């Protein structure tokens, strides 16, 4: 999950204490590219909605669905590299050491 402040609030932490089988794993800071939802919305914004001007919520919905259909027709898998994996692993290990200290 991302590092949004609400994920670390008092109520969330209290819930986690009562449910120890659940553990949150946060993506490293400034690594929104790891969050596939953010990837999808970023692509949508860059490719289609640089200027957001919609006549209505229905218009917005229709344009999003149209984009999804077009994107799915041409989409290809993201190419994760050894370098990106090493970067993520190093950051996760650093956060583990910091949490233990």
PDB file of N, CA and C in Angstrom:
ATOM      1  N   UNK A   1       0.848  -1.165   0.000  1.00  0.00           N
ATOM      2  CA  UNK A   1       0.000   0.000   0.000  1.00  0.00           C
ATOM      3  C   UNK A   1       0.890   1.222   0.000  1.00  0.00           C
ATOM      4  N   UNK A   2       0.336   2.332  -0.423  1.00  0.00           N
ATOM      5  CA  UNK A   2       1.132   3.546  -0.484  1.00  0.00           C
ATOM      6  C   UNK A   2       1.313   4.142   0.914  1.00  0.00           C
ATOM      7  N   UNK A   3       2.097   5.178   0.991  1.00  0.00           N
ATOM      8  CA  UNK A   3       2.440   5.790   2.277  1.00  0.00           C
ATOM      9  C   UNK A   3       1.483   6.903   2.677  1.00  0.00           C
ATOM     10  N   UNK A   4       0.262   6.834   2.203  1.00  0.00           N
ATOM     11  CA  UNK A   4      -0.723   7.839   2.559  1.00  0.00           C
ATOM     12  C   UNK A   4      -0.868   7.900   4.080  1.00  0.00           C
ATOM     13  N   UNK A   5      -0.909   9.078   4.598  1.00  0.00           N
ATOM     14  CA  UNK A   5      -0.927   9.277   6.048  1.00  0.00           C
ATOM     15  C   UNK A   5      -2.082   8.553   6.748  1.00  0.00           C
ATOM     16  N   UNK A   6      -3.223   8.454   6.074  1.00  0.00           N
ATOM     17  CA  UNK A   6      -4.392   7.822   6.686  1.00  0.00           C
ATOM     18  C   UNK A   6      -4.121   6.340   6.987  1.00  0.00           C
ATOM     19  N   UNK A   7      -3.216   5.712   6.268  1.00  0.00           N
ATOM     20  CA  UNK A   7      -2.894   4.307   6.510  1.00  0.00           C
ATOM     21  C   UNK A   7      -2.081   4.097   7.786  1.00  0.00           C
ATOM     22  N   UNK A   8      -1.620   5.189   8.386  1.00  0.00           N
ATOM     23  CA  UNK A   8      -0.792   5.097   9.591  1.00  0.00           C
ATOM     24  C   UNK A   8      -1.424   5.831  10.773  1.00  0.00           C
ATOM     25  N   UNK A   9      -2.707   6.138  10.668  1.00  0.00           N
ATOM     26  CA  UNK A   9      -3.413   6.885  11.707  1.00  0.00           C
ATOM     27  C   UNK A   9      -3.655   6.061  12.964  1.00  0.00           C
ATOM     28  N   UNK A  10      -4.069   6.732  14.018  1.00  0.00           N
ATOM     29  CA  UNK A  10      -4.287   6.085  15.316  1.00  0.00           C
ATOM     30  C   UNK A  10      -5.310   4.958  15.232  1.00  0.00           C
ATOM     31  N   UNK A  11      -6.408   5.190  14.545  1.00  0.00           N
ATOM     32  CA  UNK A  11      -7.446   4.162  14.444  1.00  0.00           C
ATOM     33  C   UNK A  11      -6.940   2.943  13.674  1.00  0.00           C
ATOM     34  N   UNK A  12      -6.175   3.184  12.635  1.00  0.00           N
ATOM     35  CA  UNK A  12      -5.626   2.073  11.843  1.00  0.00           C
ATOM     36  C   UNK A  12      -4.643   1.275  12.690  1.00  0.00           C
ATOM     37  N   UNK A  13      -3.762   1.963  13.392  1.00  0.00           N
ATOM     38  CA  UNK A  13      -2.778   1.277  14.231  1.00  0.00           C
ATOM     39  C   UNK A  13      -3.456   0.491  15.352  1.00  0.00           C
ATOM     40  N   UNK A  14      -4.514   1.054  15.922  1.00  0.00           N
ATOM     41  CA  UNK A  14      -5.263   0.351  16.969  1.00  0.00           C
ATOM     42  C   UNK A  14      -5.913  -0.911  16.392  1.00  0.00           C
ATOM     43  N   UNK A  15      -6.449  -0.819  15.192  1.00  0.00           N
ATOM     44  CA  UNK A  15      -7.060  -1.987  14.557  1.00  0.00           C
ATOM     45  C   UNK A  15      -6.008  -3.058  14.297  1.00  0.00           C
ATOM     46  N   UNK A  16      -4.850  -2.636  13.835  1.00  0.00           N
ATOM     47  CA  UNK A  16      -3.782  -3.607  13.566  1.00  0.00           C
ATOM     48  C   UNK A  16      -3.325  -4.314  14.845  1.00  0.00           C
ATOM     49  N   UNK A  17      -3.298  -3.598  15.949  1.00  0.00           N
ATOM     50  CA  UNK A  17      -2.923  -4.224  17.222  1.00  0.00           C
ATOM     51  C   UNK A  17      -3.916  -5.307  17.616  1.00  0.00           C
ATOM     52  N   UNK A  18      -5.183  -5.092  17.326  1.00  0.00           N
ATOM     53  CA  UNK A  18      -6.218  -6.069  17.666  1.00  0.00           C
ATOM     54  C   UNK A  18      -6.259  -7.232  16.673  1.00  0.00           C
ATOM     55  N   UNK A  19      -5.628  -7.073  15.535  1.00  0.00           N
ATOM     56  CA  UNK A  19      -5.647  -8.093  14.482  1.00  0.00           C
ATOM     57  C   UNK A  19      -4.207  -8.388  14.044  1.00  0.00           C
ATOM     58  N   UNK A  20      -3.427  -9.064  14.888  1.00  0.00           N
ATOM     59  CA  UNK A  20      -1.990  -9.229  14.608  1.00  0.00           C
ATOM     60  C   UNK A  20      -1.668 -10.083  13.383  1.00  0.00           C
ATOM     61  N   UNK A  21      -2.648 -10.806  12.861  1.00  0.00           N
ATOM     62  CA  UNK A  21      -2.318 -11.603  11.674  1.00  0.00           C
ATOM     63  C   UNK A  21      -2.190 -10.736  10.425  1.00  0.00           C
ATOM     64  N   UNK A  22      -2.617  -9.471  10.506  1.00  0.00           N
ATOM     65  CA  UNK A  22      -2.496  -8.555   9.380  1.00  0.00           C
ATOM     66  C   UNK A  22      -1.266  -7.681   9.561  1.00  0.00           C
ATOM     67  N   UNK A  23      -0.513  -7.508   8.501  1.00  0.00           N
ATOM     68  CA  UNK A  23       0.664  -6.647   8.522  1.00  0.00           C
ATOM     69  C   UNK A  23       0.665  -5.817   7.253  1.00  0.00           C
ATOM     70  N   UNK A  24       0.810  -4.519   7.406  1.00  0.00           N
ATOM     71  CA  UNK A  24       0.864  -3.645   6.253  1.00  0.00           C
ATOM     72  C   UNK A  24       2.277  -3.640   5.684  1.00  0.00           C
ATOM     73  N   UNK A  25       2.358  -3.630   4.403  1.00  0.00           N
ATOM     74  CA  UNK A  25       3.626  -3.474   3.703  1.00  0.00           C
ATOM     75  C   UNK A  25       3.490  -2.251   2.810  1.00  0.00           C
ATOM     76  N   UNK A  26       4.326  -1.281   3.047  1.00  0.00           N
ATOM     77  CA  UNK A  26       4.236  -0.019   2.327  1.00  0.00           C
ATOM     78  C   UNK A  26       5.246   0.011   1.192  1.00  0.00           C
ATOM     79  N   UNK A  27       4.839   0.594   0.083  1.00  0.00           N
ATOM     80  CA  UNK A  27       5.794   0.794  -1.004  1.00  0.00           C
ATOM     81  C   UNK A  27       6.795   1.850  -0.560  1.00  0.00           C
ATOM     82  N   UNK A  28       8.024   1.759  -1.040  1.00  0.00           N
ATOM     83  CA  UNK A  28       9.001   2.787  -0.683  1.00  0.00           C
ATOM     84  C   UNK A  28       8.521   4.164  -1.125  1.00  0.00           C
ATOM     85  N   UNK A  29       8.888   5.169  -0.356  1.00  0.00           N
ATOM     86  CA  UNK A  29       8.508   6.546  -0.681  1.00  0.00           C
ATOM     87  C   UNK A  29       9.051   6.879  -2.072  1.00  0.00           C
ATOM     88  N   UNK A  30       8.294   7.608  -2.838  1.00  0.00           N
ATOM     89  CA  UNK A  30       8.637   8.018  -4.199  1.00  0.00           C
ATOM     90  C   UNK A  30       8.703   6.836  -5.164  1.00  0.00           C
ATOM     91  N   UNK A  31       7.976   5.782  -4.866  1.00  0.00           N
ATOM     92  CA  UNK A  31       7.918   4.628  -5.768  1.00  0.00           C
ATOM     93  C   UNK A  31       6.476   4.348  -6.164  1.00  0.00           C
ATOM     94  N   UNK A  32       5.770   5.386  -6.548  1.00  0.00           N
ATOM     95  CA  UNK A  32       4.376   5.191  -6.927  1.00  0.00           C
ATOM     96  C   UNK A  32       4.254   4.269  -8.132  1.00  0.00           C
ATOM     97  N   UNK A  33       5.341   4.131  -8.897  1.00  0.00           N
ATOM     98  CA  UNK A  33       5.320   3.241 -10.055  1.00  0.00           C
ATOM     99  C   UNK A  33       5.090   1.791  -9.650  1.00  0.00           C
ATOM    100  N   UNK A  34       5.297   1.461  -8.373  1.00  0.00           N
ATOM    101  CA  UNK A  34       5.058   0.092  -7.914  1.00  0.00           C
ATOM    102  C   UNK A  34       3.567  -0.177  -7.709  1.00  0.00           C
ATOM    103  N   UNK A  35       2.808   0.858  -7.470  1.00  0.00           N
ATOM    104  CA  UNK A  35       1.384   0.708  -7.209  1.00  0.00           C
ATOM    105  C   UNK A  35       0.656   0.688  -8.548  1.00  0.00           C
ATOM    106  N   UNK A  36       0.130  -0.469  -8.923  1.00  0.00           N
ATOM    107  CA  UNK A  36      -0.480  -0.613 -10.239  1.00  0.00           C
ATOM    108  C   UNK A  36      -1.706   0.262 -10.423  1.00  0.00           C
ATOM    109  N   UNK A  37      -2.414   0.566  -9.345  1.00  0.00           N
ATOM    110  CA  UNK A  37      -3.562   1.473  -9.462  1.00  0.00           C
ATOM    111  C   UNK A  37      -3.079   2.866  -9.850  1.00  0.00           C
ATOM    112  N   UNK A  38      -2.018   3.321  -9.193  1.00  0.00           N
ATOM    113  CA  UNK A  38      -1.473   4.626  -9.552  1.00  0.00           C
ATOM    114  C   UNK A  38      -0.924   4.618 -10.967  1.00  0.00           C
ATOM    115  N   UNK A  39      -0.338   3.511 -11.380  1.00  0.00           N
ATOM    116  CA  UNK A  39       0.129   3.381 -12.763  1.00  0.00           C
ATOM    117  C   UNK A  39      -1.024   3.604 -13.728  1.00  0.00           C
ATOM    118  N   UNK A  40      -2.121   2.909 -13.469  1.00  0.00           N
ATOM    119  CA  UNK A  40      -3.276   3.002 -14.359  1.00  0.00           C
ATOM    120  C   UNK A  40      -3.846   4.402 -14.439  1.00  0.00           C
ATOM    121  N   UNK A  41      -4.011   5.051 -13.283  1.00  0.00           N
ATOM    122  CA  UNK A  41      -4.545   6.408 -13.297  1.00  0.00           C
ATOM    123  C   UNK A  41      -3.561   7.391 -13.933  1.00  0.00           C
ATOM    124  N   UNK A  42      -2.272   7.158 -13.738  1.00  0.00           N
ATOM    125  CA  UNK A  42      -1.276   8.025 -14.376  1.00  0.00           C
ATOM    126  C   UNK A  42      -1.334   7.926 -15.891  1.00  0.00           C
ATOM    127  N   UNK A  43      -1.469   6.713 -16.392  1.00  0.00           N
ATOM    128  CA  UNK A  43      -1.588   6.512 -17.838  1.00  0.00           C
ATOM    129  C   UNK A  43      -2.857   7.184 -18.352  1.00  0.00           C
ATOM    130  N   UNK A  44      -3.950   6.968 -17.653  1.00  0.00           N
ATOM    131  CA  UNK A  44      -5.224   7.579 -18.047  1.00  0.00           C
ATOM    132  C   UNK A  44      -5.090   9.100 -18.123  1.00  0.00           C
ATOM    133  N   UNK A  45      -4.475   9.691 -17.120  1.00  0.00           N
ATOM    134  CA  UNK A  45      -4.338  11.147 -17.096  1.00  0.00           C
ATOM    135  C   UNK A  45      -3.429  11.641 -18.226  1.00  0.00           C
ATOM    136  N   UNK A  46      -2.273  10.978 -18.409  1.00  0.00           N
ATOM    137  CA  UNK A  46      -1.328  11.427 -19.440  1.00  0.00           C
ATOM    138  C   UNK A  46      -1.871  11.228 -20.852  1.00  0.00           C
ATOM    139  N   UNK A  47      -2.521  10.095 -21.074  1.00  0.00           N
ATOM    140  CA  UNK A  47      -2.953   9.764 -22.431  1.00  0.00           C
ATOM    141  C   UNK A  47      -4.272  10.403 -22.828  1.00  0.00           C
ATOM    142  N   UNK A  48      -5.129  10.660 -21.871  1.00  0.00           N
ATOM    143  CA  UNK A  48      -6.476  11.076 -22.243  1.00  0.00           C
ATOM    144  C   UNK A  48      -6.930  12.359 -21.560  1.00  0.00           C
ATOM    145  N   UNK A  49      -6.563  12.570 -20.306  1.00  0.00           N
ATOM    146  CA  UNK A  49      -7.180  13.645 -19.541  1.00  0.00           C
ATOM    147  C   UNK A  49      -6.190  14.719 -19.120  1.00  0.00           C
ATOM    148  N   UNK A  50      -5.329  15.146 -20.036  1.00  0.00           N
ATOM    149  CA  UNK A  50      -4.437  16.249 -19.715  1.00  0.00           C
ATOM    150  C   UNK A  50      -5.233  17.477 -19.327  1.00  0.00           C
ATOM    151  N   UNK A  51      -6.325  17.691 -20.030  1.00  0.00           N
ATOM    152  CA  UNK A  51      -7.263  18.763 -19.695  1.00  0.00           C
ATOM    153  C   UNK A  51      -8.591  18.079 -19.397  1.00  0.00           C
ATOM    154  N   UNK A  52      -8.999  18.124 -18.142  1.00  0.00           N
ATOM    155  CA  UNK A  52     -10.237  17.449 -17.732  1.00  0.00           C
ATOM    156  C   UNK A  52     -11.414  18.398 -17.912  1.00  0.00           C
ATOM    157  N   UNK A  53     -12.200  18.143 -18.920  1.00  0.00           N
ATOM    158  CA  UNK A  53     -13.372  18.960 -19.197  1.00  0.00           C
ATOM    159  C   UNK A  53     -14.505  18.012 -19.581  1.00  0.00           C
ATOM    160  N   UNK A  54     -15.434  17.809 -18.661  1.00  0.00           N
ATOM    161  CA  UNK A  54     -16.495  16.848 -18.872  1.00  0.00           C
ATOM    162  C   UNK A  54     -17.842  17.536 -18.713  1.00  0.00           C
ATOM    163  N   UNK A  55     -18.762  17.182 -19.570  1.00  0.00           N
ATOM    164  CA  UNK A  55     -20.099  17.770 -19.526  1.00  0.00           C
ATOM    165  C   UNK A  55     -20.879  17.293 -18.311  1.00  0.00           C
ATOM    166  N   UNK A  56     -20.560  16.059 -17.844  1.00  0.00           N
ATOM    167  CA  UNK A  56     -21.297  15.488 -16.717  1.00  0.00           C
ATOM    168  C   UNK A  56     -20.524  14.281 -16.194  1.00  0.00           C
ATOM    169  N   UNK A  57     -21.002  13.714 -15.089  1.00  0.00           N
ATOM    170  CA  UNK A  57     -20.380  12.487 -14.566  1.00  0.00           C
ATOM    171  C   UNK A  57     -20.550  11.336 -15.565  1.00  0.00           C
ATOM    172  N   UNK A  58     -21.678  11.317 -16.241  1.00  0.00           N
ATOM    173  CA  UNK A  58     -21.892  10.283 -17.263  1.00  0.00           C
ATOM    174  C   UNK A  58     -20.894  10.425 -18.403  1.00  0.00           C
ATOM    175  N   UNK A  59     -20.594  11.668 -18.788  1.00  0.00           N
ATOM    176  CA  UNK A  59     -19.602  11.927 -19.826  1.00  0.00           C
ATOM    177  C   UNK A  59     -18.228  11.416 -19.372  1.00  0.00           C
ATOM    178  N   UNK A  60     -17.868  11.714 -18.134  1.00  0.00           N
ATOM    179  CA  UNK A  60     -16.606  11.219 -17.578  1.00  0.00           C
ATOM    180  C   UNK A  60     -16.563   9.697 -17.609  1.00  0.00           C
ATOM    181  N   UNK A  61     -17.628   9.061 -17.124  1.00  0.00           N
ATOM    182  CA  UNK A  61     -17.695   7.604 -17.120  1.00  0.00           C
ATOM    183  C   UNK A  61     -17.521   7.037 -18.526  1.00  0.00           C
ATOM    184  N   UNK A  62     -18.226   7.605 -19.474  1.00  0.00           N
ATOM    185  CA  UNK A  62     -18.156   7.119 -20.855  1.00  0.00           C
ATOM    186  C   UNK A  62     -16.741   7.246 -21.421  1.00  0.00           C
ATOM    187  N   UNK A  63     -16.091   8.362 -21.130  1.00  0.00           N
ATOM    188  CA  UNK A  63     -14.735   8.575 -21.641  1.00  0.00           C
ATOM    189  C   UNK A  63     -13.737   7.637 -20.976  1.00  0.00           C
ATOM    190  N   UNK A  64     -13.899   7.377 -19.686  1.00  0.00           N
ATOM    191  CA  UNK A  64     -13.014   6.430 -19.001  1.00  0.00           C
ATOM    192  C   UNK A  64     -13.206   5.031 -19.577  1.00  0.00           C
ATOM    193  N   UNK A  65     -14.445   4.606 -19.746  1.00  0.00           N
ATOM    194  CA  UNK A  65     -14.708   3.280 -20.300  1.00  0.00           C
ATOM    195  C   UNK A  65     -14.198   3.154 -21.729  1.00  0.00           C
ATOM    196  N   UNK A  66     -14.324   4.213 -22.506  1.00  0.00           N
ATOM    197  CA  UNK A  66     -13.798   4.207 -23.869  1.00  0.00           C
ATOM    198  C   UNK A  66     -12.280   4.062 -23.851  1.00  0.00           C
ATOM    199  N   UNK A  67     -11.619   4.795 -22.963  1.00  0.00           N
ATOM    200  CA  UNK A  67     -10.158   4.687 -22.862  1.00  0.00           C
ATOM    201  C   UNK A  67      -9.748   3.274 -22.465  1.00  0.00           C
ATOM    202  N   UNK A  68     -10.426   2.700 -21.484  1.00  0.00           N
ATOM    203  CA  UNK A  68     -10.083   1.352 -21.027  1.00  0.00           C
ATOM    204  C   UNK A  68     -10.200   0.352 -22.180  1.00  0.00           C
ATOM    205  N   UNK A  69     -11.256   0.441 -22.953  1.00  0.00           N
ATOM    206  CA  UNK A  69     -11.432  -0.466 -24.095  1.00  0.00           C
ATOM    207  C   UNK A  69     -10.299  -0.291 -25.103  1.00  0.00           C
ATOM    208  N   UNK A  70      -9.932   0.947 -25.403  1.00  0.00           N
ATOM    209  CA  UNK A  70      -8.848   1.193 -26.352  1.00  0.00           C
ATOM    210  C   UNK A  70      -7.510   0.739 -25.785  1.00  0.00           C
ATOM    211  N   UNK A  71      -7.271   1.042 -24.522  1.00  0.00           N
ATOM    212  CA  UNK A  71      -6.004   0.660 -23.886  1.00  0.00           C
ATOM    213  C   UNK A  71      -5.849  -0.859 -23.865  1.00  0.00           C
ATOM    214  N   UNK A  72      -6.901  -1.560 -23.494  1.00  0.00           N
ATOM    215  CA  UNK A  72      -6.833  -3.020 -23.422  1.00  0.00           C
ATOM    216  C   UNK A  72      -6.566  -3.651 -24.782  1.00  0.00           C
ATOM    217  N   UNK A  73      -6.981  -2.983 -25.825  1.00  0.00           N
ATOM    218  CA  UNK A  73      -6.751  -3.510 -27.169  1.00  0.00           C
ATOM    219  C   UNK A  73      -5.263  -3.478 -27.527  1.00  0.00           C
ATOM    220  N   UNK A  74      -4.541  -2.460 -27.068  1.00  0.00           N
ATOM    221  CA  UNK A  74      -3.131  -2.281 -27.434  1.00  0.00           C
ATOM    222  C   UNK A  74      -2.151  -2.514 -26.283  1.00  0.00           C
ATOM    223  N   UNK A  75      -2.649  -2.759 -25.096  1.00  0.00           N
ATOM    224  CA  UNK A  75      -1.788  -2.834 -23.904  1.00  0.00           C
ATOM    225  C   UNK A  75      -0.789  -3.978 -23.995  1.00  0.00           C
ATOM    226  N   UNK A  76       0.379  -3.731 -23.383  1.00  0.00           N
ATOM    227  CA  UNK A  76       1.421  -4.752 -23.262  1.00  0.00           C
ATOM    228  C   UNK A  76       1.869  -4.760 -21.808  1.00  0.00           C
ATOM    229  N   UNK A  77       2.422  -5.875 -21.347  1.00  0.00           N
ATOM    230  CA  UNK A  77       2.879  -5.923 -19.946  1.00  0.00           C
ATOM    231  C   UNK A  77       3.988  -4.903 -19.683  1.00  0.00           C
ATOM    232  N   UNK A  78       4.031  -4.408 -18.448  1.00  0.00           N
ATOM    233  CA  UNK A  78       5.127  -3.537 -18.045  1.00  0.00           C
ATOM    234  C   UNK A  78       6.403  -4.368 -17.961  1.00  0.00           C
ATOM    235  N   UNK A  79       7.492  -3.807 -18.378  1.00  0.00           N
ATOM    236  CA  UNK A  79       8.761  -4.526 -18.406  1.00  0.00           C
ATOM    237  C   UNK A  79       9.579  -4.198 -17.156  1.00  0.00           C
ATOM    238  N   UNK A  80       9.462  -5.044 -16.137  1.00  0.00           N
ATOM    239  CA  UNK A  80      10.254  -4.879 -14.927  1.00  0.00           C
ATOM    240  C   UNK A  80      11.647  -5.401 -15.209  1.00  0.00           C
ATOM    241  N   UNK A  81      12.647  -4.663 -14.764  1.00  0.00           N
ATOM    242  CA  UNK A  81      14.031  -5.056 -15.019  1.00  0.00           C
ATOM    243  C   UNK A  81      14.711  -5.478 -13.722  1.00  0.00           C
ATOM    244  N   UNK A  82      15.868  -6.085 -13.859  1.00  0.00           N
ATOM    245  CA  UNK A  82      16.651  -6.468 -12.678  1.00  0.00           C
ATOM    246  C   UNK A  82      17.009  -5.221 -11.868  1.00  0.00           C
ATOM    247  N   UNK A  83      17.291  -4.130 -12.549  1.00  0.00           N
ATOM    248  CA  UNK A  83      17.646  -2.882 -11.854  1.00  0.00           C
ATOM    249  C   UNK A  83      16.477  -2.393 -10.993  1.00  0.00           C
ATOM    250  N   UNK A  84      15.263  -2.417 -11.536  1.00  0.00           N
ATOM    251  CA  UNK A  84      14.117  -1.943 -10.755  1.00  0.00           C
ATOM    252  C   UNK A  84      13.875  -2.857  -9.564  1.00  0.00           C
ATOM    253  N   UNK A  85      14.044  -4.166  -9.749  1.00  0.00           N
ATOM    254  CA  UNK A  85      13.878  -5.109  -8.646  1.00  0.00           C
ATOM    255  C   UNK A  85      14.917  -4.853  -7.559  1.00  0.00           C
ATOM    256  N   UNK A  86      16.173  -4.679  -7.937  1.00  0.00           N
ATOM    257  CA  UNK A  86      17.231  -4.425  -6.964  1.00  0.00           C
ATOM    258  C   UNK A  86      16.971  -3.150  -6.170  1.00  0.00           C
ATOM    259  N   UNK A  87      16.478  -2.134  -6.851  1.00  0.00           N
ATOM    260  CA  UNK A  87      16.176  -0.856  -6.191  1.00  0.00           C
ATOM    261  C   UNK A  87      15.075  -1.036  -5.146  1.00  0.00           C
ATOM    262  N   UNK A  88      14.029  -1.746  -5.492  1.00  0.00           N
ATOM    263  CA  UNK A  88      12.918  -1.989  -4.574  1.00  0.00           C
ATOM    264  C   UNK A  88      13.377  -2.818  -3.385  1.00  0.00           C
ATOM    265  N   UNK A  89      14.129  -3.870  -3.645  1.00  0.00           N
ATOM    266  CA  UNK A  89      14.611  -4.744  -2.579  1.00  0.00           C
ATOM    267  C   UNK A  89      15.520  -3.985  -1.610  1.00  0.00           C
ATOM    268  N   UNK A  90      16.409  -3.160  -2.122  1.00  0.00           N
ATOM    269  CA  UNK A  90      17.311  -2.385  -1.267  1.00  0.00           C
ATOM    270  C   UNK A  90      16.524  -1.429  -0.373  1.00  0.00           C
ATOM    271  N   UNK A  91      15.514  -0.788  -0.925  1.00  0.00           N
ATOM    272  CA  UNK A  91      14.698   0.146  -0.139  1.00  0.00           C
ATOM    273  C   UNK A  91      13.920  -0.596   0.943  1.00  0.00           C
ATOM    274  N   UNK A  92      13.375  -1.760   0.606  1.00  0.00           N
ATOM    275  CA  UNK A  92      12.630  -2.539   1.591  1.00  0.00           C
ATOM    276  C   UNK A  92      13.549  -2.995   2.722  1.00  0.00           C
ATOM    277  N   UNK A  93      14.747  -3.430   2.383  1.00  0.00           N
ATOM    278  CA  UNK A  93      15.705  -3.852   3.410  1.00  0.00           C
ATOM    279  C   UNK A  93      16.108  -2.681   4.303  1.00  0.00           C
ATOM    280  N   UNK A  94      16.282  -1.508   3.721  1.00  0.00           N
ATOM    281  CA  UNK A  94      16.631  -0.316   4.495  1.00  0.00           C
ATOM    282  C   UNK A  94      15.517   0.017   5.475  1.00  0.00           C
ATOM    283  N   UNK A  95      14.273  -0.044   5.033  1.00  0.00           N
ATOM    284  CA  UNK A  95      13.149   0.267   5.919  1.00  0.00           C
ATOM    285  C   UNK A  95      13.030  -0.765   7.030  1.00  0.00           C
ATOM    286  N   UNK A  96      13.319  -2.005   6.748  1.00  0.00           N
ATOM    287  CA  UNK A  96      13.294  -3.049   7.769  1.00  0.00           C
ATOM    288  C   UNK A  96      14.338  -2.771   8.835  1.00  0.00           C
ATOM    289  N   UNK A  97      15.537  -2.382   8.434  1.00  0.00           N
ATOM    290  CA  UNK A  97      16.605  -2.060   9.393  1.00  0.00           C
ATOM    291  C   UNK A  97      16.239  -0.842  10.224  1.00  0.00           C
ATOM    292  N   UNK A  98      15.647   0.151   9.599  1.00  0.00           N
ATOM    293  CA  UNK A  98      15.246   1.369  10.325  1.00  0.00           C
ATOM    294  C   UNK A  98      14.145   1.061  11.346  1.00  0.00           C
ATOM    295  N   UNK A  99      13.227   0.193  10.965  1.00  0.00           N
ATOM    296  CA  UNK A  99      12.128  -0.159  11.875  1.00  0.00           C
ATOM    297  C   UNK A  99      12.643  -0.946  13.061  1.00  0.00           C
ATOM    298  N   UNK A 100      13.675  -1.767  12.861  1.00  0.00           N
ATOM    299  CA  UNK A 100      14.227  -2.573  13.940  1.00  0.00           C
ATOM    300  C   UNK A 100      15.071  -1.739  14.899  1.00  0.00           C
ATOM    301  N   UNK A 101      15.570  -0.613  14.429  1.00  0.00           N
ATOM    302  CA  UNK A 101      16.464   0.219  15.265  1.00  0.00           C
ATOM    303  C   UNK A 101      15.713   0.990  16.325  1.00  0.00           C
TER     304      UNK A 101
END
